[in-house]
Amino acid sequence: MKIAITGSTGRVGGRVAQRLAAAGGVHEVIGLTRREAPYDDVAALRTALTGVDTLVFVSSDGEAAKVILHHQNVLRAAVEAEVGHVVLLSGLDADLDSPFCYAHTNGYSEQVLRSSGLRYSIARAGLFAEFLGGLVRQVAVDGTVRLPTGGGRMSLVARDDVADCLAALALAGPTDRHHDLTGAESLTGLDVAKAAGYAFEECADADFAAALTLAGEEPWWVYAYSSMFAAIRQDRWSPVSDEVSRLLGRPPAGIMR
């Protein structure tokens, strides 16, 4: 089987490539880079995907409008190249009605994939524990982290667990459904802060955005993180699933490692 991976130089895509290569020599694993297959070049993407049996599509990042266009181009190229199976990395919050900017990109990409005629498996990942741990450290001041959770809960998941599940789904063949990939429990802001070694205080969304700005964050990411917490306040990131254990045959890793 010929398996292609987008984002293969990143932390998730790189881990997927390693896991697939370790699965045995019967599979040809190809890492697609933006240099050879730019997301804005459908023809180059189609050429890169020609002859591919399975595409592990690790979603891109950046401004949401550009991400939507990139995803549309990749999926169009996959259709034209007649890829047999697309494993799409999405998010636990993939609702077009969500306030989270990337819920729109994920929800739209899932719609495009489902209507494309391609066989698929969709991995809806919870919030990456490593990402949230980094964000907590970024905004912590004097041993206290202030977040606008509004009492909402979060299901965190380790990046490596997500990558391993993507590899497992690629090898297993299309399921034509989504799989929620989360940790073992749903956590409050206090739980997350304590796990990272900080005290916790609830704060207003505007104060959180100001703290990010003072920490040197770019305007787009200030907006993206703020919209993420708006979704957290609606408990859109709180569901817990046993899919990681089912796919990997082991419990999910602990949080904030």
C-alpha atoms as a PDB file:
ATOM      1  CA  MET A   1       0.000   0.000   0.000  1.00  0.00           C
ATOM      2  CA  LYS A   2       1.235   3.472  -0.897  1.00  0.00           C
ATOM      3  CA  ILE A   3       0.520   5.953   1.911  1.00  0.00           C
ATOM      4  CA  ALA A   4       1.086   9.713   1.648  1.00  0.00           C
ATOM      5  CA  ILE A   5       1.208  12.082   4.629  1.00  0.00           C
ATOM      6  CA  THR A   6       0.784  15.850   4.588  1.00  0.00           C
ATOM      7  CA  GLY A   7       2.722  17.810   7.186  1.00  0.00           C
ATOM      8  CA  SER A   8       5.253  15.005   7.419  1.00  0.00           C
ATOM      9  CA  THR A   9       7.952  17.339   8.778  1.00  0.00           C
ATOM     10  CA  GLY A  10       5.738  18.418  11.682  1.00  0.00           C
ATOM     11  CA  ARG A  11       5.347  16.803  15.088  1.00  0.00           C
ATOM     12  CA  VAL A  12       2.138  14.926  14.280  1.00  0.00           C
ATOM     13  CA  GLY A  13       2.880  14.060  10.650  1.00  0.00           C
ATOM     14  CA  GLY A  14       6.455  13.047  11.468  1.00  0.00           C
ATOM     15  CA  ARG A  15       5.250  10.667  14.170  1.00  0.00           C
ATOM     16  CA  VAL A  16       2.683   9.184  11.761  1.00  0.00           C
ATOM     17  CA  ALA A  17       5.440   8.567   9.216  1.00  0.00           C
ATOM     18  CA  GLN A  18       7.588   6.828  11.843  1.00  0.00           C
ATOM     19  CA  ARG A  19       4.724   4.604  12.978  1.00  0.00           C
ATOM     20  CA  LEU A  20       3.791   3.613   9.431  1.00  0.00           C
ATOM     21  CA  ALA A  21       7.418   2.901   8.521  1.00  0.00           C
ATOM     22  CA  ALA A  22       7.705   0.704  11.614  1.00  0.00           C
ATOM     23  CA  ALA A  23       4.612  -1.269  10.598  1.00  0.00           C
ATOM     24  CA  GLY A  24       6.630  -3.272   8.099  1.00  0.00           C
ATOM     25  CA  GLY A  25       8.214  -3.095   4.672  1.00  0.00           C
ATOM     26  CA  VAL A  26       5.054  -3.877   2.716  1.00  0.00           C
ATOM     27  CA  HIS A  27       3.989  -0.216   2.734  1.00  0.00           C
ATOM     28  CA  GLU A  28       5.512   2.663   0.805  1.00  0.00           C
ATOM     29  CA  VAL A  29       5.328   5.806   2.955  1.00  0.00           C
ATOM     30  CA  ILE A  30       5.644   9.189   1.255  1.00  0.00           C
ATOM     31  CA  GLY A  31       5.955  12.473   3.108  1.00  0.00           C
ATOM     32  CA  LEU A  32       4.396  15.361   1.192  1.00  0.00           C
ATOM     33  CA  THR A  33       5.991  18.755   1.779  1.00  0.00           C
ATOM     34  CA  ARG A  34       4.647  22.163   0.835  1.00  0.00           C
ATOM     35  CA  ARG A  35       7.721  22.643  -1.322  1.00  0.00           C
ATOM     36  CA  GLU A  36       6.805  19.824  -3.688  1.00  0.00           C
ATOM     37  CA  ALA A  37       3.038  19.928  -3.239  1.00  0.00           C
ATOM     38  CA  PRO A  38       1.965  23.451  -2.185  1.00  0.00           C
ATOM     39  CA  TYR A  39      -1.533  23.648  -0.761  1.00  0.00           C
ATOM     40  CA  ASP A  40      -2.412  26.408  -3.219  1.00  0.00           C
ATOM     41  CA  ASP A  41      -1.421  24.344  -6.289  1.00  0.00           C
ATOM     42  CA  VAL A  42      -4.066  21.729  -7.157  1.00  0.00           C
ATOM     43  CA  ALA A  43      -2.097  20.419 -10.134  1.00  0.00           C
ATOM     44  CA  ALA A  44       1.006  19.794  -8.037  1.00  0.00           C
ATOM     45  CA  LEU A  45      -1.085  18.156  -5.326  1.00  0.00           C
ATOM     46  CA  ARG A  46      -2.791  15.913  -7.896  1.00  0.00           C
ATOM     47  CA  THR A  47       0.588  14.838  -9.291  1.00  0.00           C
ATOM     48  CA  ALA A  48       1.894  14.106  -5.800  1.00  0.00           C
ATOM     49  CA  LEU A  49      -1.187  12.027  -4.952  1.00  0.00           C
ATOM     50  CA  THR A  50      -1.341  10.028  -8.171  1.00  0.00           C
ATOM     51  CA  GLY A  51      -0.971   6.331  -7.341  1.00  0.00           C
ATOM     52  CA  VAL A  52      -1.543   6.912  -3.605  1.00  0.00           C
ATOM     53  CA  ASP A  53      -3.809   4.388  -1.881  1.00  0.00           C
ATOM     54  CA  THR A  54      -4.216   6.230   1.426  1.00  0.00           C
ATOM     55  CA  LEU A  55      -3.732   9.889   2.311  1.00  0.00           C
ATOM     56  CA  VAL A  56      -3.180  10.879   5.925  1.00  0.00           C
ATOM     57  CA  PHE A  57      -4.289  14.508   5.823  1.00  0.00           C
ATOM     58  CA  VAL A  58      -2.809  16.389   8.777  1.00  0.00           C
ATOM     59  CA  SER A  59      -4.607  19.716   8.751  1.00  0.00           C
ATOM     60  CA  SER A  60      -2.694  22.934   8.164  1.00  0.00           C
ATOM     61  CA  ASP A  61      -2.784  26.011  10.392  1.00  0.00           C
ATOM     62  CA  GLY A  62      -2.773  29.789  10.009  1.00  0.00           C
ATOM     63  CA  GLU A  63      -5.630  32.116   9.139  1.00  0.00           C
ATOM     64  CA  ALA A  64      -8.896  30.203   8.848  1.00  0.00           C
ATOM     65  CA  ALA A  65      -9.837  31.455   5.375  1.00  0.00           C
ATOM     66  CA  LYS A  66      -6.526  30.225   3.954  1.00  0.00           C
ATOM     67  CA  VAL A  67      -6.836  26.905   5.769  1.00  0.00           C
ATOM     68  CA  ILE A  68     -10.285  26.315   4.256  1.00  0.00           C
ATOM     69  CA  LEU A  69      -8.909  26.964   0.785  1.00  0.00           C
ATOM     70  CA  HIS A  70      -5.911  24.691   1.395  1.00  0.00           C
ATOM     71  CA  HIS A  71      -8.106  21.849   2.615  1.00  0.00           C
ATOM     72  CA  GLN A  72     -10.463  22.228  -0.310  1.00  0.00           C
ATOM     73  CA  ASN A  73      -7.520  22.026  -2.722  1.00  0.00           C
ATOM     74  CA  VAL A  74      -6.058  18.919  -1.100  1.00  0.00           C
ATOM     75  CA  LEU A  75      -9.395  17.106  -1.134  1.00  0.00           C
ATOM     76  CA  ARG A  76     -10.082  18.127  -4.732  1.00  0.00           C
ATOM     77  CA  ALA A  77      -6.677  16.759  -5.733  1.00  0.00           C
ATOM     78  CA  ALA A  78      -7.392  13.536  -3.820  1.00  0.00           C
ATOM     79  CA  VAL A  79     -10.623  13.084  -5.779  1.00  0.00           C
ATOM     80  CA  GLU A  80      -8.923  13.738  -9.118  1.00  0.00           C
ATOM     81  CA  ALA A  81      -6.047  11.383  -8.236  1.00  0.00           C
ATOM     82  CA  GLU A  82      -8.577   8.702  -7.167  1.00  0.00           C
ATOM     83  CA  VAL A  83      -7.083   8.207  -3.713  1.00  0.00           C
ATOM     84  CA  GLY A  84      -8.716   5.198  -2.100  1.00  0.00           C
ATOM     85  CA  HIS A  85      -8.849   6.341   1.543  1.00  0.00           C
ATOM     86  CA  VAL A  86      -8.425   9.715   3.251  1.00  0.00           C
ATOM     87  CA  VAL A  87      -7.638   9.845   6.981  1.00  0.00           C
ATOM     88  CA  LEU A  88      -8.467  13.421   7.980  1.00  0.00           C
ATOM     89  CA  LEU A  89      -7.247  15.055  11.187  1.00  0.00           C
ATOM     90  CA  SER A  90     -10.092  17.220  12.464  1.00  0.00           C
ATOM     91  CA  GLY A  91     -11.065  18.549  15.889  1.00  0.00           C
ATOM     92  CA  LEU A  92     -13.476  17.518  18.613  1.00  0.00           C
ATOM     93  CA  ASP A  93     -15.227  20.836  17.974  1.00  0.00           C
ATOM     94  CA  ALA A  94     -16.087  20.626  14.272  1.00  0.00           C
ATOM     95  CA  ASP A  95     -19.379  22.504  14.366  1.00  0.00           C
ATOM     96  CA  LEU A  96     -20.084  25.355  11.952  1.00  0.00           C
ATOM     97  CA  ASP A  97     -22.165  27.003  14.701  1.00  0.00           C
ATOM     98  CA  SER A  98     -19.224  27.093  17.124  1.00  0.00           C
ATOM     99  CA  PRO A  99     -17.519  30.403  18.007  1.00  0.00           C
ATOM    100  CA  PHE A 100     -14.105  28.726  17.517  1.00  0.00           C
ATOM    101  CA  CYS A 101     -12.495  29.793  14.246  1.00  0.00           C
ATOM    102  CA  TYR A 102     -11.022  26.350  13.531  1.00  0.00           C
ATOM    103  CA  ALA A 103     -14.334  24.632  14.241  1.00  0.00           C
ATOM    104  CA  HIS A 104     -15.415  26.257  10.993  1.00  0.00           C
ATOM    105  CA  THR A 105     -12.399  24.975   9.043  1.00  0.00           C
ATOM    106  CA  ASN A 106     -12.800  21.480  10.488  1.00  0.00           C
ATOM    107  CA  GLY A 107     -16.549  21.392   9.971  1.00  0.00           C
ATOM    108  CA  TYR A 108     -16.276  22.622   6.399  1.00  0.00           C
ATOM    109  CA  SER A 109     -13.453  20.191   5.569  1.00  0.00           C
ATOM    110  CA  GLU A 110     -15.484  17.292   6.937  1.00  0.00           C
ATOM    111  CA  GLN A 111     -18.448  18.341   4.801  1.00  0.00           C
ATOM    112  CA  VAL A 112     -16.291  18.516   1.677  1.00  0.00           C
ATOM    113  CA  LEU A 113     -14.778  15.105   2.393  1.00  0.00           C
ATOM    114  CA  ARG A 114     -18.124  13.436   3.078  1.00  0.00           C
ATOM    115  CA  SER A 115     -19.634  14.812  -0.122  1.00  0.00           C
ATOM    116  CA  SER A 116     -16.583  14.015  -2.276  1.00  0.00           C
ATOM    117  CA  GLY A 117     -17.294  10.335  -2.839  1.00  0.00           C
ATOM    118  CA  LEU A 118     -13.942   9.428  -1.252  1.00  0.00           C
ATOM    119  CA  ARG A 119     -13.748   6.689   1.392  1.00  0.00           C
ATOM    120  CA  TYR A 120     -12.607   8.205   4.667  1.00  0.00           C
ATOM    121  CA  SER A 121     -11.843   8.016   8.368  1.00  0.00           C
ATOM    122  CA  ILE A 122     -12.055  11.255  10.376  1.00  0.00           C
ATOM    123  CA  ALA A 123      -9.995  11.681  13.543  1.00  0.00           C
ATOM    124  CA  ARG A 124     -11.535  14.379  15.745  1.00  0.00           C
ATOM    125  CA  ALA A 125      -8.828  15.185  18.255  1.00  0.00           C
ATOM    126  CA  GLY A 126      -9.344  16.879  21.595  1.00  0.00           C
ATOM    127  CA  LEU A 127      -7.105  19.783  22.559  1.00  0.00           C
ATOM    128  CA  PHE A 128      -3.454  18.772  22.449  1.00  0.00           C
ATOM    129  CA  ALA A 129      -2.173  18.571  26.032  1.00  0.00           C
ATOM    130  CA  GLU A 130       1.238  19.861  24.955  1.00  0.00           C
ATOM    131  CA  PHE A 131      -0.321  22.869  23.221  1.00  0.00           C
ATOM    132  CA  LEU A 132      -2.481  23.806  26.194  1.00  0.00           C
ATOM    133  CA  GLY A 133       0.457  23.335  28.561  1.00  0.00           C
ATOM    134  CA  GLY A 134       2.490  25.770  26.465  1.00  0.00           C
ATOM    135  CA  LEU A 135      -0.357  28.284  26.423  1.00  0.00           C
ATOM    136  CA  VAL A 136      -0.695  28.036  30.207  1.00  0.00           C
ATOM    137  CA  ARG A 137       2.993  28.754  30.666  1.00  0.00           C
ATOM    138  CA  GLN A 138       2.794  31.645  28.206  1.00  0.00           C
ATOM    139  CA  VAL A 139       0.129  33.549  30.157  1.00  0.00           C
ATOM    140  CA  ALA A 140       1.111  32.564  33.717  1.00  0.00           C
ATOM    141  CA  VAL A 141       2.190  35.463  35.942  1.00  0.00           C
ATOM    142  CA  ASP A 142       3.643  35.107  39.448  1.00  0.00           C
ATOM    143  CA  GLY A 143       2.682  31.450  39.686  1.00  0.00           C
ATOM    144  CA  THR A 144      -0.938  31.972  38.633  1.00  0.00           C
ATOM    145  CA  VAL A 145      -2.600  31.252  35.303  1.00  0.00           C
ATOM    146  CA  ARG A 146      -5.711  33.211  34.397  1.00  0.00           C
ATOM    147  CA  LEU A 147      -8.005  31.719  31.762  1.00  0.00           C
ATOM    148  CA  PRO A 148     -11.546  32.560  30.570  1.00  0.00           C
ATOM    149  CA  THR A 149     -12.946  29.029  30.880  1.00  0.00           C
ATOM    150  CA  GLY A 150     -16.296  30.061  32.363  1.00  0.00           C
ATOM    151  CA  GLY A 151     -16.459  26.693  34.115  1.00  0.00           C
ATOM    152  CA  GLY A 152     -16.186  24.772  30.857  1.00  0.00           C
ATOM    153  CA  ARG A 153     -14.297  21.493  30.732  1.00  0.00           C
ATOM    154  CA  MET A 154     -11.634  20.266  28.295  1.00  0.00           C
ATOM    155  CA  SER A 155     -10.713  16.815  27.021  1.00  0.00           C
ATOM    156  CA  LEU A 156      -6.964  16.867  26.421  1.00  0.00           C
ATOM    157  CA  VAL A 157      -5.069  14.338  24.338  1.00  0.00           C
ATOM    158  CA  ALA A 158      -1.365  13.739  23.753  1.00  0.00           C
ATOM    159  CA  ARG A 159      -0.061  14.564  20.266  1.00  0.00           C
ATOM    160  CA  ASP A 160       1.678  11.190  20.055  1.00  0.00           C
ATOM    161  CA  ASP A 161      -1.597   9.402  20.807  1.00  0.00           C
ATOM    162  CA  VAL A 162      -3.307  11.286  17.989  1.00  0.00           C
ATOM    163  CA  ALA A 163      -0.481  10.486  15.575  1.00  0.00           C
ATOM    164  CA  ASP A 164      -0.542   6.811  16.547  1.00  0.00           C
ATOM    165  CA  CYS A 165      -4.316   6.719  15.996  1.00  0.00           C
ATOM    166  CA  LEU A 166      -3.920   8.318  12.567  1.00  0.00           C
ATOM    167  CA  ALA A 167      -1.429   5.608  11.656  1.00  0.00           C
ATOM    168  CA  ALA A 168      -3.750   2.900  12.972  1.00  0.00           C
ATOM    169  CA  LEU A 169      -6.666   4.263  10.966  1.00  0.00           C
ATOM    170  CA  ALA A 170      -4.523   4.430   7.821  1.00  0.00           C
ATOM    171  CA  LEU A 171      -3.558   0.783   8.162  1.00  0.00           C
ATOM    172  CA  ALA A 172      -7.041  -0.423   9.082  1.00  0.00           C
ATOM    173  CA  GLY A 173      -8.836   0.937   6.030  1.00  0.00           C
ATOM    174  CA  PRO A 174     -11.783   3.325   5.715  1.00  0.00           C
ATOM    175  CA  THR A 175     -14.450   3.419   8.407  1.00  0.00           C
ATOM    176  CA  ASP A 176     -16.568   6.165   6.786  1.00  0.00           C
ATOM    177  CA  ARG A 177     -17.208   7.774  10.167  1.00  0.00           C
ATOM    178  CA  HIS A 178     -15.520  10.022  12.703  1.00  0.00           C
ATOM    179  CA  HIS A 179     -13.510   8.912  15.727  1.00  0.00           C
ATOM    180  CA  ASP A 180     -13.269  11.136  18.838  1.00  0.00           C
ATOM    181  CA  LEU A 181      -9.704  11.032  20.185  1.00  0.00           C
ATOM    182  CA  THR A 182      -9.468  12.290  23.767  1.00  0.00           C
ATOM    183  CA  GLY A 183      -7.783  11.632  27.062  1.00  0.00           C
ATOM    184  CA  ALA A 184      -9.420   9.665  29.839  1.00  0.00           C
ATOM    185  CA  GLU A 185     -11.113  12.580  31.609  1.00  0.00           C
ATOM    186  CA  SER A 186     -12.621  16.012  31.116  1.00  0.00           C
ATOM    187  CA  LEU A 187     -10.759  18.730  33.009  1.00  0.00           C
ATOM    188  CA  THR A 188     -11.528  22.153  34.447  1.00  0.00           C
ATOM    189  CA  GLY A 189      -9.227  25.138  34.165  1.00  0.00           C
ATOM    190  CA  LEU A 190      -8.200  24.495  37.775  1.00  0.00           C
ATOM    191  CA  ASP A 191      -7.266  20.893  36.915  1.00  0.00           C
ATOM    192  CA  VAL A 192      -5.131  22.047  33.984  1.00  0.00           C
ATOM    193  CA  ALA A 193      -3.392  24.752  35.996  1.00  0.00           C
ATOM    194  CA  LYS A 194      -2.628  22.382  38.887  1.00  0.00           C
ATOM    195  CA  ALA A 195      -1.226  19.775  36.521  1.00  0.00           C
ATOM    196  CA  ALA A 196       1.156  22.424  35.150  1.00  0.00           C
ATOM    197  CA  GLY A 197       2.150  23.556  38.636  1.00  0.00           C
ATOM    198  CA  TYR A 198       0.196  26.831  38.823  1.00  0.00           C
ATOM    199  CA  ALA A 199      -2.627  28.374  40.804  1.00  0.00           C
ATOM    200  CA  PHE A 200      -5.732  29.207  38.779  1.00  0.00           C
ATOM    201  CA  GLU A 201      -7.996  32.224  38.495  1.00  0.00           C
ATOM    202  CA  GLU A 202     -10.929  32.755  36.195  1.00  0.00           C
ATOM    203  CA  CYS A 203     -10.629  35.896  34.069  1.00  0.00           C
ATOM    204  CA  ALA A 204     -12.560  37.878  31.494  1.00  0.00           C
ATOM    205  CA  ASP A 205     -11.960  37.142  27.831  1.00  0.00           C
ATOM    206  CA  ALA A 206     -10.645  40.683  27.271  1.00  0.00           C
ATOM    207  CA  ASP A 207      -8.072  40.258  30.065  1.00  0.00           C
ATOM    208  CA  PHE A 208      -6.892  36.983  28.555  1.00  0.00           C
ATOM    209  CA  ALA A 209      -6.510  38.608  25.130  1.00  0.00           C
ATOM    210  CA  ALA A 210      -4.563  41.474  26.712  1.00  0.00           C
ATOM    211  CA  ALA A 211      -2.228  39.013  28.471  1.00  0.00           C
ATOM    212  CA  LEU A 212      -1.519  37.251  25.181  1.00  0.00           C
ATOM    213  CA  THR A 213      -0.849  40.565  23.456  1.00  0.00           C
ATOM    214  CA  LEU A 214       1.557  41.654  26.207  1.00  0.00           C
ATOM    215  CA  ALA A 215       3.314  38.289  25.848  1.00  0.00           C
ATOM    216  CA  GLY A 216       4.001  39.179  22.193  1.00  0.00           C
ATOM    217  CA  GLU A 217       1.380  36.963  20.527  1.00  0.00           C
ATOM    218  CA  GLU A 218       0.313  37.885  16.987  1.00  0.00           C
ATOM    219  CA  PRO A 219      -3.215  39.309  16.524  1.00  0.00           C
ATOM    220  CA  TRP A 220      -4.494  36.280  14.594  1.00  0.00           C
ATOM    221  CA  TRP A 221      -3.511  33.890  17.359  1.00  0.00           C
ATOM    222  CA  VAL A 222      -4.935  36.172  20.051  1.00  0.00           C
ATOM    223  CA  TYR A 223      -8.239  35.902  18.197  1.00  0.00           C
ATOM    224  CA  ALA A 224      -7.884  32.145  17.603  1.00  0.00           C
ATOM    225  CA  TYR A 225      -7.135  31.372  21.260  1.00  0.00           C
ATOM    226  CA  SER A 226      -9.918  33.657  22.463  1.00  0.00           C
ATOM    227  CA  SER A 227     -12.425  32.002  20.141  1.00  0.00           C
ATOM    228  CA  MET A 228     -11.239  28.594  21.401  1.00  0.00           C
ATOM    229  CA  PHE A 229     -12.069  29.571  24.988  1.00  0.00           C
ATOM    230  CA  ALA A 230     -15.444  30.847  23.843  1.00  0.00           C
ATOM    231  CA  ALA A 231     -16.097  27.294  22.624  1.00  0.00           C
ATOM    232  CA  ILE A 232     -14.700  25.826  25.869  1.00  0.00           C
ATOM    233  CA  ARG A 233     -17.203  27.948  27.816  1.00  0.00           C
ATOM    234  CA  GLN A 234     -19.929  26.191  25.799  1.00  0.00           C
ATOM    235  CA  ASP A 235     -18.473  22.769  26.749  1.00  0.00           C
ATOM    236  CA  ARG A 236     -17.733  21.958  23.109  1.00  0.00           C
ATOM    237  CA  TRP A 237     -14.367  20.406  24.075  1.00  0.00           C
ATOM    238  CA  SER A 238     -15.595  18.389  27.052  1.00  0.00           C
ATOM    239  CA  PRO A 239     -16.708  14.978  25.626  1.00  0.00           C
ATOM    240  CA  VAL A 240     -14.595  11.948  26.568  1.00  0.00           C
ATOM    241  CA  SER A 241     -14.207   8.889  24.351  1.00  0.00           C
ATOM    242  CA  ASP A 242     -12.498   5.486  24.616  1.00  0.00           C
ATOM    243  CA  GLU A 243     -11.435   5.522  20.940  1.00  0.00           C
ATOM    244  CA  VAL A 244      -7.715   5.957  21.736  1.00  0.00           C
ATOM    245  CA  SER A 245      -7.774   2.786  23.831  1.00  0.00           C
ATOM    246  CA  ARG A 246      -9.802   0.950  21.206  1.00  0.00           C
ATOM    247  CA  LEU A 247      -7.513   1.903  18.336  1.00  0.00           C
ATOM    248  CA  LEU A 248      -4.200   1.484  20.154  1.00  0.00           C
ATOM    249  CA  GLY A 249      -4.946  -1.309  22.616  1.00  0.00           C
ATOM    250  CA  ARG A 250      -3.641   0.782  25.534  1.00  0.00           C
ATOM    251  CA  PRO A 251      -4.889   3.670  27.685  1.00  0.00           C
ATOM    252  CA  PRO A 252      -4.294   7.249  26.510  1.00  0.00           C
ATOM    253  CA  ALA A 253      -1.257   9.012  27.903  1.00  0.00           C
ATOM    254  CA  GLY A 254      -1.563  11.260  30.944  1.00  0.00           C
ATOM    255  CA  ILE A 255      -1.977  15.017  30.527  1.00  0.00           C
ATOM    256  CA  MET A 256       0.630  17.784  30.591  1.00  0.00           C
ATOM    257  CA  ARG A 257       3.599  15.441  30.242  1.00  0.00           C
END
